[in-house]
């Protein structure tokens, strides 16, 4: 076996040992948009939350992913959802 393959195998084994030991090479953090956070706190699916907001699920996805911004009225509803998620849960019943 050539040296390059042997080094590759040693590196691979060391990586497996590190993973089993709980040592991560890097950590990835994902920031959640305020819209997605409000939906999560309300405990609703995208389709449920979109229906309560009076928008399509696709529009809600665009808001959550930052491709579009909610209008003024939708922003007000989102603030209510953020501060009082129980109201949306009650409306969803």
C-alpha atoms as a PDB file:
ATOM      1  CA  UNK A   1       0.000   0.000   0.000  1.00  0.00           C
ATOM      2  CA  UNK A   2       1.400   3.413  -0.869  1.00  0.00           C
ATOM      3  CA  UNK A   3       2.036   6.115   1.732  1.00  0.00           C
ATOM      4  CA  UNK A   4      -0.801   8.324   0.556  1.00  0.00           C
ATOM      5  CA  UNK A   5      -3.409   5.579   1.034  1.00  0.00           C
ATOM      6  CA  UNK A   6      -1.949   4.661   4.406  1.00  0.00           C
ATOM      7  CA  UNK A   7      -2.136   8.311   5.539  1.00  0.00           C
ATOM      8  CA  UNK A   8      -5.729   8.511   4.308  1.00  0.00           C
ATOM      9  CA  UNK A   9      -6.691   5.423   6.328  1.00  0.00           C
ATOM     10  CA  UNK A  10      -4.976   6.774   9.457  1.00  0.00           C
ATOM     11  CA  UNK A  11      -6.728  10.122   9.085  1.00  0.00           C
ATOM     12  CA  UNK A  12     -10.054   8.396   8.577  1.00  0.00           C
ATOM     13  CA  UNK A  13      -9.605   6.239  11.680  1.00  0.00           C
ATOM     14  CA  UNK A  14      -8.624   9.295  13.726  1.00  0.00           C
ATOM     15  CA  UNK A  15     -11.757  11.105  12.511  1.00  0.00           C
ATOM     16  CA  UNK A  16     -13.924   8.173  13.595  1.00  0.00           C
ATOM     17  CA  UNK A  17     -12.276   8.177  17.037  1.00  0.00           C
ATOM     18  CA  UNK A  18     -12.944  11.898  17.393  1.00  0.00           C
ATOM     19  CA  UNK A  19     -16.599  11.488  16.378  1.00  0.00           C
ATOM     20  CA  UNK A  20     -17.083   8.660  18.872  1.00  0.00           C
ATOM     21  CA  UNK A  21     -15.449  10.842  21.530  1.00  0.00           C
ATOM     22  CA  UNK A  22     -17.922  13.656  20.826  1.00  0.00           C
ATOM     23  CA  UNK A  23     -15.343  16.017  19.374  1.00  0.00           C
ATOM     24  CA  UNK A  24     -16.776  17.975  16.472  1.00  0.00           C
ATOM     25  CA  UNK A  25     -14.520  19.486  13.846  1.00  0.00           C
ATOM     26  CA  UNK A  26     -16.942  22.375  13.464  1.00  0.00           C
ATOM     27  CA  UNK A  27     -20.330  23.506  14.616  1.00  0.00           C
ATOM     28  CA  UNK A  28     -22.999  24.992  12.416  1.00  0.00           C
ATOM     29  CA  UNK A  29     -25.466  27.489  13.827  1.00  0.00           C
ATOM     30  CA  UNK A  30     -28.599  28.401  11.925  1.00  0.00           C
ATOM     31  CA  UNK A  31     -30.390  31.626  12.744  1.00  0.00           C
ATOM     32  CA  UNK A  32     -34.156  31.250  12.701  1.00  0.00           C
ATOM     33  CA  UNK A  33     -36.143  34.130  11.252  1.00  0.00           C
ATOM     34  CA  UNK A  34     -38.599  35.954  13.533  1.00  0.00           C
ATOM     35  CA  UNK A  35     -41.466  34.645  11.367  1.00  0.00           C
ATOM     36  CA  UNK A  36     -40.358  31.027  11.781  1.00  0.00           C
ATOM     37  CA  UNK A  37     -39.804  31.629  15.504  1.00  0.00           C
ATOM     38  CA  UNK A  38     -43.344  33.005  15.911  1.00  0.00           C
ATOM     39  CA  UNK A  39     -44.772  29.986  14.070  1.00  0.00           C
ATOM     40  CA  UNK A  40     -42.691  27.594  16.164  1.00  0.00           C
ATOM     41  CA  UNK A  41     -43.778  29.241  19.430  1.00  0.00           C
ATOM     42  CA  UNK A  42     -47.402  28.959  18.341  1.00  0.00           C
ATOM     43  CA  UNK A  43     -46.834  25.258  17.683  1.00  0.00           C
ATOM     44  CA  UNK A  44     -48.364  25.376  14.214  1.00  0.00           C
ATOM     45  CA  UNK A  45     -47.368  23.884  10.879  1.00  0.00           C
ATOM     46  CA  UNK A  46     -46.581  26.172   7.971  1.00  0.00           C
ATOM     47  CA  UNK A  47     -49.944  25.484   6.344  1.00  0.00           C
ATOM     48  CA  UNK A  48     -51.850  26.125   9.602  1.00  0.00           C
ATOM     49  CA  UNK A  49     -49.937  29.330  10.322  1.00  0.00           C
ATOM     50  CA  UNK A  50     -50.315  30.544   6.726  1.00  0.00           C
ATOM     51  CA  UNK A  51     -54.075  29.956   6.847  1.00  0.00           C
ATOM     52  CA  UNK A  52     -54.382  31.981  10.057  1.00  0.00           C
ATOM     53  CA  UNK A  53     -52.292  34.765   8.528  1.00  0.00           C
ATOM     54  CA  UNK A  54     -54.420  34.726   5.362  1.00  0.00           C
ATOM     55  CA  UNK A  55     -51.500  33.968   3.046  1.00  0.00           C
ATOM     56  CA  UNK A  56     -50.376  30.988   0.994  1.00  0.00           C
ATOM     57  CA  UNK A  57     -47.889  28.526   2.483  1.00  0.00           C
ATOM     58  CA  UNK A  58     -45.457  29.597  -0.251  1.00  0.00           C
ATOM     59  CA  UNK A  59     -45.658  33.247   0.868  1.00  0.00           C
ATOM     60  CA  UNK A  60     -45.035  32.160   4.452  1.00  0.00           C
ATOM     61  CA  UNK A  61     -41.997  30.154   3.310  1.00  0.00           C
ATOM     62  CA  UNK A  62     -40.685  33.239   1.495  1.00  0.00           C
ATOM     63  CA  UNK A  63     -41.069  35.258   4.712  1.00  0.00           C
ATOM     64  CA  UNK A  64     -39.356  32.592   6.799  1.00  0.00           C
ATOM     65  CA  UNK A  65     -36.452  32.327   4.367  1.00  0.00           C
ATOM     66  CA  UNK A  66     -36.044  36.092   4.007  1.00  0.00           C
ATOM     67  CA  UNK A  67     -36.930  36.259   0.310  1.00  0.00           C
ATOM     68  CA  UNK A  68     -39.892  38.560   0.990  1.00  0.00           C
ATOM     69  CA  UNK A  69     -41.042  40.788   3.826  1.00  0.00           C
ATOM     70  CA  UNK A  70     -44.542  40.776   5.280  1.00  0.00           C
ATOM     71  CA  UNK A  71     -46.803  43.771   4.643  1.00  0.00           C
ATOM     72  CA  UNK A  72     -47.769  46.186   7.423  1.00  0.00           C
ATOM     73  CA  UNK A  73     -50.904  44.286   8.471  1.00  0.00           C
ATOM     74  CA  UNK A  74     -49.074  40.957   8.402  1.00  0.00           C
ATOM     75  CA  UNK A  75     -46.260  42.440  10.485  1.00  0.00           C
ATOM     76  CA  UNK A  76     -48.792  43.467  13.115  1.00  0.00           C
ATOM     77  CA  UNK A  77     -50.260  39.960  13.198  1.00  0.00           C
ATOM     78  CA  UNK A  78     -46.757  38.525  13.486  1.00  0.00           C
ATOM     79  CA  UNK A  79     -46.046  40.747  16.500  1.00  0.00           C
ATOM     80  CA  UNK A  80     -49.204  39.402  18.141  1.00  0.00           C
ATOM     81  CA  UNK A  81     -48.062  35.862  17.291  1.00  0.00           C
ATOM     82  CA  UNK A  82     -44.645  36.533  18.841  1.00  0.00           C
ATOM     83  CA  UNK A  83     -45.972  38.020  22.073  1.00  0.00           C
ATOM     84  CA  UNK A  84     -49.107  35.886  22.485  1.00  0.00           C
ATOM     85  CA  UNK A  85     -48.697  32.551  20.675  1.00  0.00           C
ATOM     86  CA  UNK A  86     -51.562  31.113  22.727  1.00  0.00           C
ATOM     87  CA  UNK A  87     -53.984  33.355  20.801  1.00  0.00           C
ATOM     88  CA  UNK A  88     -53.010  31.707  17.524  1.00  0.00           C
ATOM     89  CA  UNK A  89     -53.224  28.248  19.032  1.00  0.00           C
ATOM     90  CA  UNK A  90     -56.742  29.113  20.229  1.00  0.00           C
ATOM     91  CA  UNK A  91     -57.728  30.391  16.777  1.00  0.00           C
ATOM     92  CA  UNK A  92     -56.368  27.256  15.132  1.00  0.00           C
ATOM     93  CA  UNK A  93     -58.818  25.022  17.024  1.00  0.00           C
END
